[in-house]
Amino acid sequence: MSETKENIVLAMPARINGKLVPVTDEPVSVSAEVAEQLRAAGAVKEQEQKQRTLNDLKVDELKTIATAKGIEGADGMKKADLVEALEKLEADQ
């Protein structure tokens, strides 16, 4: 049984699993339990409380992101292809 993970953006530095994590605009992957504790402590940016995934975005938004990240042919891609290309790019980084 795998542990449920959530991506959150910190509003203040926090100690997660014994490691001090600074404030950045990049999401941090934590267990659902830790995410709940950080929310209760006010350490999560409010606008990040509702997690959006690539599948939640519109095709135009995905095309804009893909083009900005240098994915060639993004303007002609379908939504599923855009999501796949962006997820692959993220995994490779």
PDB file of N, CA and C in Angstrom:
ATOM      1  N   MET A   1       0.853  -1.187   0.000  1.00  0.00           N
ATOM      2  CA  MET A   1       0.000   0.000   0.000  1.00  0.00           C
ATOM      3  C   MET A   1       0.888   1.236   0.000  1.00  0.00           C
ATOM      4  N   SER A   2       0.708   2.100  -1.009  1.00  0.00           N
ATOM      5  CA  SER A   2       1.568   3.277  -1.090  1.00  0.00           C
ATOM      6  C   SER A   2       0.958   4.453  -0.342  1.00  0.00           C
ATOM      7  N   GLU A   3       1.829   5.303   0.111  1.00  0.00           N
ATOM      8  CA  GLU A   3       1.421   6.479   0.876  1.00  0.00           C
ATOM      9  C   GLU A   3       0.954   7.567  -0.088  1.00  0.00           C
ATOM     10  N   THR A   4      -0.159   8.220   0.220  1.00  0.00           N
ATOM     11  CA  THR A   4      -0.674   9.292  -0.609  1.00  0.00           C
ATOM     12  C   THR A   4       0.234  10.505  -0.492  1.00  0.00           C
ATOM     13  N   LYS A   5       0.603  11.081  -1.637  1.00  0.00           N
ATOM     14  CA  LYS A   5       1.469  12.254  -1.682  1.00  0.00           C
ATOM     15  C   LYS A   5       0.671  13.458  -2.166  1.00  0.00           C
ATOM     16  N   GLU A   6       1.073  14.628  -1.719  1.00  0.00           N
ATOM     17  CA  GLU A   6       0.486  15.883  -2.168  1.00  0.00           C
ATOM     18  C   GLU A   6       1.611  16.840  -2.509  1.00  0.00           C
ATOM     19  N   ASN A   7       1.364  17.714  -3.467  1.00  0.00           N
ATOM     20  CA  ASN A   7       2.304  18.777  -3.795  1.00  0.00           C
ATOM     21  C   ASN A   7       1.794  20.063  -3.178  1.00  0.00           C
ATOM     22  N   ILE A   8       2.647  20.700  -2.373  1.00  0.00           N
ATOM     23  CA  ILE A   8       2.266  21.955  -1.729  1.00  0.00           C
ATOM     24  C   ILE A   8       3.360  22.988  -1.960  1.00  0.00           C
ATOM     25  N   VAL A   9       3.002  24.246  -1.847  1.00  0.00           N
ATOM     26  CA  VAL A   9       3.966  25.341  -1.932  1.00  0.00           C
ATOM     27  C   VAL A   9       4.004  26.001  -0.558  1.00  0.00           C
ATOM     28  N   LEU A  10       5.193  26.111  -0.018  1.00  0.00           N
ATOM     29  CA  LEU A  10       5.353  26.631   1.343  1.00  0.00           C
ATOM     30  C   LEU A  10       5.275  28.151   1.393  1.00  0.00           C
ATOM     31  N   ALA A  11       4.621  28.660   2.413  1.00  0.00           N
ATOM     32  CA  ALA A  11       4.536  30.096   2.652  1.00  0.00           C
ATOM     33  C   ALA A  11       5.636  30.549   3.607  1.00  0.00           C
ATOM     34  N   MET A  12       6.270  29.570   4.279  1.00  0.00           N
ATOM     35  CA  MET A  12       7.364  29.860   5.208  1.00  0.00           C
ATOM     36  C   MET A  12       8.254  28.621   5.256  1.00  0.00           C
ATOM     37  N   PRO A  13       9.514  28.795   5.648  1.00  0.00           N
ATOM     38  CA  PRO A  13      10.391  27.621   5.747  1.00  0.00           C
ATOM     39  C   PRO A  13       9.794  26.603   6.725  1.00  0.00           C
ATOM     40  N   ALA A  14      10.000  25.334   6.423  1.00  0.00           N
ATOM     41  CA  ALA A  14       9.451  24.280   7.283  1.00  0.00           C
ATOM     42  C   ALA A  14      10.421  23.108   7.338  1.00  0.00           C
ATOM     43  N   ARG A  15      10.411  22.415   8.450  1.00  0.00           N
ATOM     44  CA  ARG A  15      11.226  21.217   8.597  1.00  0.00           C
ATOM     45  C   ARG A  15      10.353  20.030   8.191  1.00  0.00           C
ATOM     46  N   ILE A  16      10.784  19.347   7.122  1.00  0.00           N
ATOM     47  CA  ILE A  16      10.044  18.208   6.597  1.00  0.00           C
ATOM     48  C   ILE A  16      10.964  16.999   6.612  1.00  0.00           C
ATOM     49  N   ASN A  17      10.560  15.978   7.335  1.00  0.00           N
ATOM     50  CA  ASN A  17      11.374  14.761   7.478  1.00  0.00           C
ATOM     51  C   ASN A  17      12.786  15.087   7.942  1.00  0.00           C
ATOM     52  N   GLY A  18      12.895  16.024   8.872  1.00  0.00           N
ATOM     53  CA  GLY A  18      14.181  16.373   9.451  1.00  0.00           C
ATOM     54  C   GLY A  18      15.023  17.317   8.621  1.00  0.00           C
ATOM     55  N   LYS A  19      14.535  17.734   7.468  1.00  0.00           N
ATOM     56  CA  LYS A  19      15.289  18.608   6.573  1.00  0.00           C
ATOM     57  C   LYS A  19      14.579  19.964   6.470  1.00  0.00           C
ATOM     58  N   LEU A  20      15.350  21.054   6.619  1.00  0.00           N
ATOM     59  CA  LEU A  20      14.775  22.389   6.496  1.00  0.00           C
ATOM     60  C   LEU A  20      14.545  22.700   5.024  1.00  0.00           C
ATOM     61  N   VAL A  21      13.294  22.977   4.667  1.00  0.00           N
ATOM     62  CA  VAL A  21      12.922  23.275   3.284  1.00  0.00           C
ATOM     63  C   VAL A  21      12.591  24.764   3.202  1.00  0.00           C
ATOM     64  N   PRO A  22      13.302  25.513   2.318  1.00  0.00           N
ATOM     65  CA  PRO A  22      13.059  26.952   2.211  1.00  0.00           C
ATOM     66  C   PRO A  22      11.780  27.258   1.425  1.00  0.00           C
ATOM     67  N   VAL A  23      11.378  28.499   1.463  1.00  0.00           N
ATOM     68  CA  VAL A  23      10.222  28.953   0.695  1.00  0.00           C
ATOM     69  C   VAL A  23      10.647  29.115  -0.759  1.00  0.00           C
ATOM     70  N   THR A  24       9.895  28.494  -1.658  1.00  0.00           N
ATOM     71  CA  THR A  24      10.110  28.665  -3.101  1.00  0.00           C
ATOM     72  C   THR A  24       8.741  28.663  -3.756  1.00  0.00           C
ATOM     73  N   ASP A  25       8.716  28.966  -5.039  1.00  0.00           N
ATOM     74  CA  ASP A  25       7.456  28.889  -5.775  1.00  0.00           C
ATOM     75  C   ASP A  25       7.239  27.496  -6.350  1.00  0.00           C
ATOM     76  N   GLU A  26       8.218  26.609  -6.143  1.00  0.00           N
ATOM     77  CA  GLU A  26       8.123  25.243  -6.638  1.00  0.00           C
ATOM     78  C   GLU A  26       7.404  24.365  -5.616  1.00  0.00           C
ATOM     79  N   PRO A  27       6.486  23.513  -6.070  1.00  0.00           N
ATOM     80  CA  PRO A  27       5.803  22.610  -5.153  1.00  0.00           C
ATOM     81  C   PRO A  27       6.757  21.593  -4.523  1.00  0.00           C
ATOM     82  N   VAL A  28       6.446  21.197  -3.316  1.00  0.00           N
ATOM     83  CA  VAL A  28       7.198  20.193  -2.577  1.00  0.00           C
ATOM     84  C   VAL A  28       6.263  18.997  -2.399  1.00  0.00           C
ATOM     85  N   SER A  29       6.739  17.787  -2.698  1.00  0.00           N
ATOM     86  CA  SER A  29       5.936  16.581  -2.544  1.00  0.00           C
ATOM     87  C   SER A  29       6.101  16.045  -1.126  1.00  0.00           C
ATOM     88  N   VAL A  30       4.976  15.933  -0.425  1.00  0.00           N
ATOM     89  CA  VAL A  30       4.976  15.443   0.957  1.00  0.00           C
ATOM     90  C   VAL A  30       3.813  14.476   1.136  1.00  0.00           C
ATOM     91  N   SER A  31       3.847  13.718   2.212  1.00  0.00           N
ATOM     92  CA  SER A  31       2.724  12.821   2.509  1.00  0.00           C
ATOM     93  C   SER A  31       1.494  13.664   2.837  1.00  0.00           C
ATOM     94  N   ALA A  32       0.334  13.068   2.670  1.00  0.00           N
ATOM     95  CA  ALA A  32      -0.916  13.766   2.969  1.00  0.00           C
ATOM     96  C   ALA A  32      -0.956  14.195   4.436  1.00  0.00           C
ATOM     97  N   GLU A  33      -0.401  13.367   5.310  1.00  0.00           N
ATOM     98  CA  GLU A  33      -0.374  13.686   6.742  1.00  0.00           C
ATOM     99  C   GLU A  33       0.482  14.926   7.017  1.00  0.00           C
ATOM    100  N   VAL A  34       1.653  14.983   6.395  1.00  0.00           N
ATOM    101  CA  VAL A  34       2.531  16.143   6.584  1.00  0.00           C
ATOM    102  C   VAL A  34       1.886  17.391   5.980  1.00  0.00           C
ATOM    103  N   ALA A  35       1.252  17.253   4.821  1.00  0.00           N
ATOM    104  CA  ALA A  35       0.579  18.382   4.181  1.00  0.00           C
ATOM    105  C   ALA A  35      -0.504  18.945   5.099  1.00  0.00           C
ATOM    106  N   GLU A  36      -1.251  18.069   5.737  1.00  0.00           N
ATOM    107  CA  GLU A  36      -2.312  18.500   6.660  1.00  0.00           C
ATOM    108  C   GLU A  36      -1.716  19.264   7.851  1.00  0.00           C
ATOM    109  N   GLN A  37      -0.609  18.751   8.380  1.00  0.00           N
ATOM    110  CA  GLN A  37       0.049  19.407   9.513  1.00  0.00           C
ATOM    111  C   GLN A  37       0.581  20.788   9.109  1.00  0.00           C
ATOM    112  N   LEU A  38       1.166  20.880   7.922  1.00  0.00           N
ATOM    113  CA  LEU A  38       1.692  22.172   7.453  1.00  0.00           C
ATOM    114  C   LEU A  38       0.567  23.171   7.203  1.00  0.00           C
ATOM    115  N   ARG A  39      -0.560  22.696   6.672  1.00  0.00           N
ATOM    116  CA  ARG A  39      -1.716  23.587   6.481  1.00  0.00           C
ATOM    117  C   ARG A  39      -2.219  24.111   7.827  1.00  0.00           C
ATOM    118  N   ALA A  40      -2.309  23.215   8.801  1.00  0.00           N
ATOM    119  CA  ALA A  40      -2.785  23.597  10.131  1.00  0.00           C
ATOM    120  C   ALA A  40      -1.857  24.624  10.772  1.00  0.00           C
ATOM    121  N   ALA A  41      -0.572  24.548  10.452  1.00  0.00           N
ATOM    122  CA  ALA A  41       0.411  25.479  11.005  1.00  0.00           C
ATOM    123  C   ALA A  41       0.478  26.776  10.195  1.00  0.00           C
ATOM    124  N   GLY A  42      -0.279  26.854   9.095  1.00  0.00           N
ATOM    125  CA  GLY A  42      -0.263  28.058   8.267  1.00  0.00           C
ATOM    126  C   GLY A  42       0.962  28.169   7.387  1.00  0.00           C
ATOM    127  N   ALA A  43       1.618  27.043   7.119  1.00  0.00           N
ATOM    128  CA  ALA A  43       2.869  27.068   6.344  1.00  0.00           C
ATOM    129  C   ALA A  43       2.656  26.859   4.849  1.00  0.00           C
ATOM    130  N   VAL A  44       1.411  26.689   4.412  1.00  0.00           N
ATOM    131  CA  VAL A  44       1.121  26.454   3.002  1.00  0.00           C
ATOM    132  C   VAL A  44       0.476  27.698   2.405  1.00  0.00           C
ATOM    133  N   LYS A  45       0.955  28.104   1.226  1.00  0.00           N
ATOM    134  CA  LYS A  45       0.362  29.261   0.555  1.00  0.00           C
ATOM    135  C   LYS A  45      -1.102  28.960   0.249  1.00  0.00           C
ATOM    136  N   GLU A  46      -1.970  29.877   0.597  1.00  0.00           N
ATOM    137  CA  GLU A  46      -3.417  29.682   0.454  1.00  0.00           C
ATOM    138  C   GLU A  46      -3.824  29.341  -0.978  1.00  0.00           C
ATOM    139  N   GLN A  47      -3.262  30.026  -1.969  1.00  0.00           N
ATOM    140  CA  GLN A  47      -3.661  29.770  -3.347  1.00  0.00           C
ATOM    141  C   GLN A  47      -3.246  28.384  -3.816  1.00  0.00           C
ATOM    142  N   GLU A  48      -2.354  27.749  -3.078  1.00  0.00           N
ATOM    143  CA  GLU A  48      -1.893  26.417  -3.447  1.00  0.00           C
ATOM    144  C   GLU A  48      -2.682  25.325  -2.731  1.00  0.00           C
ATOM    145  N   GLN A  49      -3.624  25.705  -1.894  1.00  0.00           N
ATOM    146  CA  GLN A  49      -4.384  24.718  -1.143  1.00  0.00           C
ATOM    147  C   GLN A  49      -5.101  23.741  -2.081  1.00  0.00           C
ATOM    148  N   LYS A  50      -5.653  24.249  -3.179  1.00  0.00           N
ATOM    149  CA  LYS A  50      -6.301  23.377  -4.145  1.00  0.00           C
ATOM    150  C   LYS A  50      -5.268  23.041  -5.215  1.00  0.00           C
ATOM    151  N   GLN A  51      -4.865  21.800  -5.224  1.00  0.00           N
ATOM    152  CA  GLN A  51      -3.836  21.358  -6.148  1.00  0.00           C
ATOM    153  C   GLN A  51      -4.418  21.212  -7.554  1.00  0.00           C
ATOM    154  N   ARG A  52      -3.747  21.833  -8.532  1.00  0.00           N
ATOM    155  CA  ARG A  52      -4.155  21.691  -9.920  1.00  0.00           C
ATOM    156  C   ARG A  52      -3.149  20.795 -10.625  1.00  0.00           C
ATOM    157  N   THR A  53      -3.639  19.916 -11.441  1.00  0.00           N
ATOM    158  CA  THR A  53      -2.767  19.064 -12.228  1.00  0.00           C
ATOM    159  C   THR A  53      -2.776  19.552 -13.667  1.00  0.00           C
ATOM    160  N   LEU A  54      -1.883  19.009 -14.472  1.00  0.00           N
ATOM    161  CA  LEU A  54      -1.845  19.391 -15.881  1.00  0.00           C
ATOM    162  C   LEU A  54      -3.176  19.074 -16.562  1.00  0.00           C
ATOM    163  N   ASN A  55      -3.824  17.993 -16.139  1.00  0.00           N
ATOM    164  CA  ASN A  55      -5.117  17.630 -16.736  1.00  0.00           C
ATOM    165  C   ASN A  55      -6.212  18.633 -16.417  1.00  0.00           C
ATOM    166  N   ASP A  56      -6.025  19.441 -15.368  1.00  0.00           N
ATOM    167  CA  ASP A  56      -7.006  20.464 -15.011  1.00  0.00           C
ATOM    168  C   ASP A  56      -6.911  21.700 -15.909  1.00  0.00           C
ATOM    169  N   LEU A  57      -5.772  21.849 -16.596  1.00  0.00           N
ATOM    170  CA  LEU A  57      -5.546  23.027 -17.424  1.00  0.00           C
ATOM    171  C   LEU A  57      -6.216  22.887 -18.784  1.00  0.00           C
ATOM    172  N   LYS A  58      -6.518  24.025 -19.392  1.00  0.00           N
ATOM    173  CA  LYS A  58      -7.091  24.048 -20.741  1.00  0.00           C
ATOM    174  C   LYS A  58      -5.969  23.879 -21.756  1.00  0.00           C
ATOM    175  N   VAL A  59      -6.334  23.460 -22.958  1.00  0.00           N
ATOM    176  CA  VAL A  59      -5.360  23.209 -24.017  1.00  0.00           C
ATOM    177  C   VAL A  59      -4.507  24.453 -24.282  1.00  0.00           C
ATOM    178  N   ASP A  60      -5.134  25.620 -24.331  1.00  0.00           N
ATOM    179  CA  ASP A  60      -4.382  26.858 -24.579  1.00  0.00           C
ATOM    180  C   ASP A  60      -3.352  27.112 -23.484  1.00  0.00           C
ATOM    181  N   GLU A  61      -3.716  26.839 -22.237  1.00  0.00           N
ATOM    182  CA  GLU A  61      -2.773  27.007 -21.126  1.00  0.00           C
ATOM    183  C   GLU A  61      -1.613  26.032 -21.258  1.00  0.00           C
ATOM    184  N   LEU A  62      -1.931  24.788 -21.614  1.00  0.00           N
ATOM    185  CA  LEU A  62      -0.894  23.777 -21.788  1.00  0.00           C
ATOM    186  C   LEU A  62       0.048  24.142 -22.933  1.00  0.00           C
ATOM    187  N   LYS A  63      -0.510  24.657 -24.021  1.00  0.00           N
ATOM    188  CA  LYS A  63       0.316  25.066 -25.165  1.00  0.00           C
ATOM    189  C   LYS A  63       1.257  26.198 -24.773  1.00  0.00           C
ATOM    190  N   THR A  64       0.768  27.144 -24.012  1.00  0.00           N
ATOM    191  CA  THR A  64       1.595  28.263 -23.560  1.00  0.00           C
ATOM    192  C   THR A  64       2.750  27.770 -22.699  1.00  0.00           C
ATOM    193  N   ILE A  65       2.445  26.874 -21.768  1.00  0.00           N
ATOM    194  CA  ILE A  65       3.477  26.329 -20.880  1.00  0.00           C
ATOM    195  C   ILE A  65       4.485  25.520 -21.684  1.00  0.00           C
ATOM    196  N   ALA A  66       3.992  24.659 -22.568  1.00  0.00           N
ATOM    197  CA  ALA A  66       4.876  23.807 -23.366  1.00  0.00           C
ATOM    198  C   ALA A  66       5.791  24.633 -24.258  1.00  0.00           C
ATOM    199  N   THR A  67       5.242  25.660 -24.885  1.00  0.00           N
ATOM    200  CA  THR A  67       6.046  26.532 -25.745  1.00  0.00           C
ATOM    201  C   THR A  67       7.101  27.249 -24.919  1.00  0.00           C
ATOM    202  N   ALA A  68       6.729  27.750 -23.748  1.00  0.00           N
ATOM    203  CA  ALA A  68       7.680  28.454 -22.881  1.00  0.00           C
ATOM    204  C   ALA A  68       8.792  27.527 -22.412  1.00  0.00           C
ATOM    205  N   LYS A  69       8.497  26.235 -22.291  1.00  0.00           N
ATOM    206  CA  LYS A  69       9.504  25.272 -21.836  1.00  0.00           C
ATOM    207  C   LYS A  69      10.289  24.672 -22.995  1.00  0.00           C
ATOM    208  N   GLY A  70      10.020  25.162 -24.215  1.00  0.00           N
ATOM    209  CA  GLY A  70      10.803  24.743 -25.373  1.00  0.00           C
ATOM    210  C   GLY A  70      10.371  23.447 -26.030  1.00  0.00           C
ATOM    211  N   ILE A  71       9.152  23.017 -25.813  1.00  0.00           N
ATOM    212  CA  ILE A  71       8.666  21.791 -26.448  1.00  0.00           C
ATOM    213  C   ILE A  71       8.258  22.130 -27.879  1.00  0.00           C
ATOM    214  N   GLU A  72       8.971  21.522 -28.838  1.00  0.00           N
ATOM    215  CA  GLU A  72       8.712  21.806 -30.245  1.00  0.00           C
ATOM    216  C   GLU A  72       7.396  21.192 -30.698  1.00  0.00           C
ATOM    217  N   GLY A  73       6.658  21.915 -31.522  1.00  0.00           N
ATOM    218  CA  GLY A  73       5.400  21.437 -32.069  1.00  0.00           C
ATOM    219  C   GLY A  73       4.228  21.511 -31.116  1.00  0.00           C
ATOM    220  N   ALA A  74       4.389  22.213 -30.018  1.00  0.00           N
ATOM    221  CA  ALA A  74       3.332  22.286 -29.010  1.00  0.00           C
ATOM    222  C   ALA A  74       2.035  22.855 -29.576  1.00  0.00           C
ATOM    223  N   ASP A  75       2.125  23.800 -30.503  1.00  0.00           N
ATOM    224  CA  ASP A  75       0.916  24.419 -31.054  1.00  0.00           C
ATOM    225  C   ASP A  75       0.016  23.426 -31.781  1.00  0.00           C
ATOM    226  N   GLY A  76       0.598  22.346 -32.313  1.00  0.00           N
ATOM    227  CA  GLY A  76      -0.195  21.368 -33.049  1.00  0.00           C
ATOM    228  C   GLY A  76      -0.579  20.142 -32.244  1.00  0.00           C
ATOM    229  N   MET A  77      -0.213  20.108 -30.975  1.00  0.00           N
ATOM    230  CA  MET A  77      -0.479  18.922 -30.150  1.00  0.00           C
ATOM    231  C   MET A  77      -1.882  18.938 -29.548  1.00  0.00           C
ATOM    232  N   LYS A  78      -2.398  17.728 -29.306  1.00  0.00           N
ATOM    233  CA  LYS A  78      -3.654  17.571 -28.585  1.00  0.00           C
ATOM    234  C   LYS A  78      -3.359  17.603 -27.094  1.00  0.00           C
ATOM    235  N   LYS A  79      -4.403  17.755 -26.291  1.00  0.00           N
ATOM    236  CA  LYS A  79      -4.236  17.891 -24.840  1.00  0.00           C
ATOM    237  C   LYS A  79      -3.448  16.727 -24.234  1.00  0.00           C
ATOM    238  N   ALA A  80      -3.818  15.506 -24.575  1.00  0.00           N
ATOM    239  CA  ALA A  80      -3.140  14.339 -24.005  1.00  0.00           C
ATOM    240  C   ALA A  80      -1.644  14.344 -24.354  1.00  0.00           C
ATOM    241  N   ASP A  81      -1.320  14.758 -25.577  1.00  0.00           N
ATOM    242  CA  ASP A  81       0.081  14.806 -25.997  1.00  0.00           C
ATOM    243  C   ASP A  81       0.845  15.903 -25.252  1.00  0.00           C
ATOM    244  N   LEU A  82       0.189  17.030 -25.022  1.00  0.00           N
ATOM    245  CA  LEU A  82       0.805  18.121 -24.271  1.00  0.00           C
ATOM    246  C   LEU A  82       1.098  17.700 -22.838  1.00  0.00           C
ATOM    247  N   VAL A  83       0.103  17.070 -22.202  1.00  0.00           N
ATOM    248  CA  VAL A  83       0.278  16.610 -20.819  1.00  0.00           C
ATOM    249  C   VAL A  83       1.433  15.611 -20.761  1.00  0.00           C
ATOM    250  N   GLU A  84       1.461  14.670 -21.688  1.00  0.00           N
ATOM    251  CA  GLU A  84       2.519  13.657 -21.710  1.00  0.00           C
ATOM    252  C   GLU A  84       3.898  14.298 -21.912  1.00  0.00           C
ATOM    253  N   ALA A  85       4.004  15.247 -22.837  1.00  0.00           N
ATOM    254  CA  ALA A  85       5.281  15.905 -23.104  1.00  0.00           C
ATOM    255  C   ALA A  85       5.758  16.706 -21.899  1.00  0.00           C
ATOM    256  N   LEU A  86       4.841  17.407 -21.234  1.00  0.00           N
ATOM    257  CA  LEU A  86       5.211  18.193 -20.057  1.00  0.00           C
ATOM    258  C   LEU A  86       5.601  17.297 -18.887  1.00  0.00           C
ATOM    259  N   GLU A  87       4.884  16.207 -18.697  1.00  0.00           N
ATOM    260  CA  GLU A  87       5.230  15.278 -17.621  1.00  0.00           C
ATOM    261  C   GLU A  87       6.590  14.630 -17.885  1.00  0.00           C
ATOM    262  N   LYS A  88       6.878  14.292 -19.128  1.00  0.00           N
ATOM    263  CA  LYS A  88       8.166  13.702 -19.493  1.00  0.00           C
ATOM    264  C   LYS A  88       9.279  14.710 -19.241  1.00  0.00           C
ATOM    265  N   LEU A  89       9.048  15.948 -19.629  1.00  0.00           N
ATOM    266  CA  LEU A  89      10.053  16.996 -19.429  1.00  0.00           C
ATOM    267  C   LEU A  89      10.339  17.168 -17.947  1.00  0.00           C
ATOM    268  N   GLU A  90       9.290  17.188 -17.138  1.00  0.00           N
ATOM    269  CA  GLU A  90       9.441  17.343 -15.688  1.00  0.00           C
ATOM    270  C   GLU A  90      10.200  16.155 -15.075  1.00  0.00           C
ATOM    271  N   ALA A  91       9.896  14.951 -15.553  1.00  0.00           N
ATOM    272  CA  ALA A  91      10.560  13.750 -15.033  1.00  0.00           C
ATOM    273  C   ALA A  91      12.042  13.724 -15.395  1.00  0.00           C
ATOM    274  N   ASP A  92      12.377  14.293 -16.559  1.00  0.00           N
ATOM    275  CA  ASP A  92      13.774  14.310 -17.020  1.00  0.00           C
ATOM    276  C   ASP A  92      14.618  15.340 -16.290  1.00  0.00           C
ATOM    277  N   GLN A  93      13.983  16.287 -15.607  1.00  0.00           N
ATOM    278  CA  GLN A  93      14.742  17.358 -14.943  1.00  0.00           C
ATOM    279  C   GLN A  93      15.197  16.973 -13.592  1.00  0.00           C
TER     280      GLN A  93
END
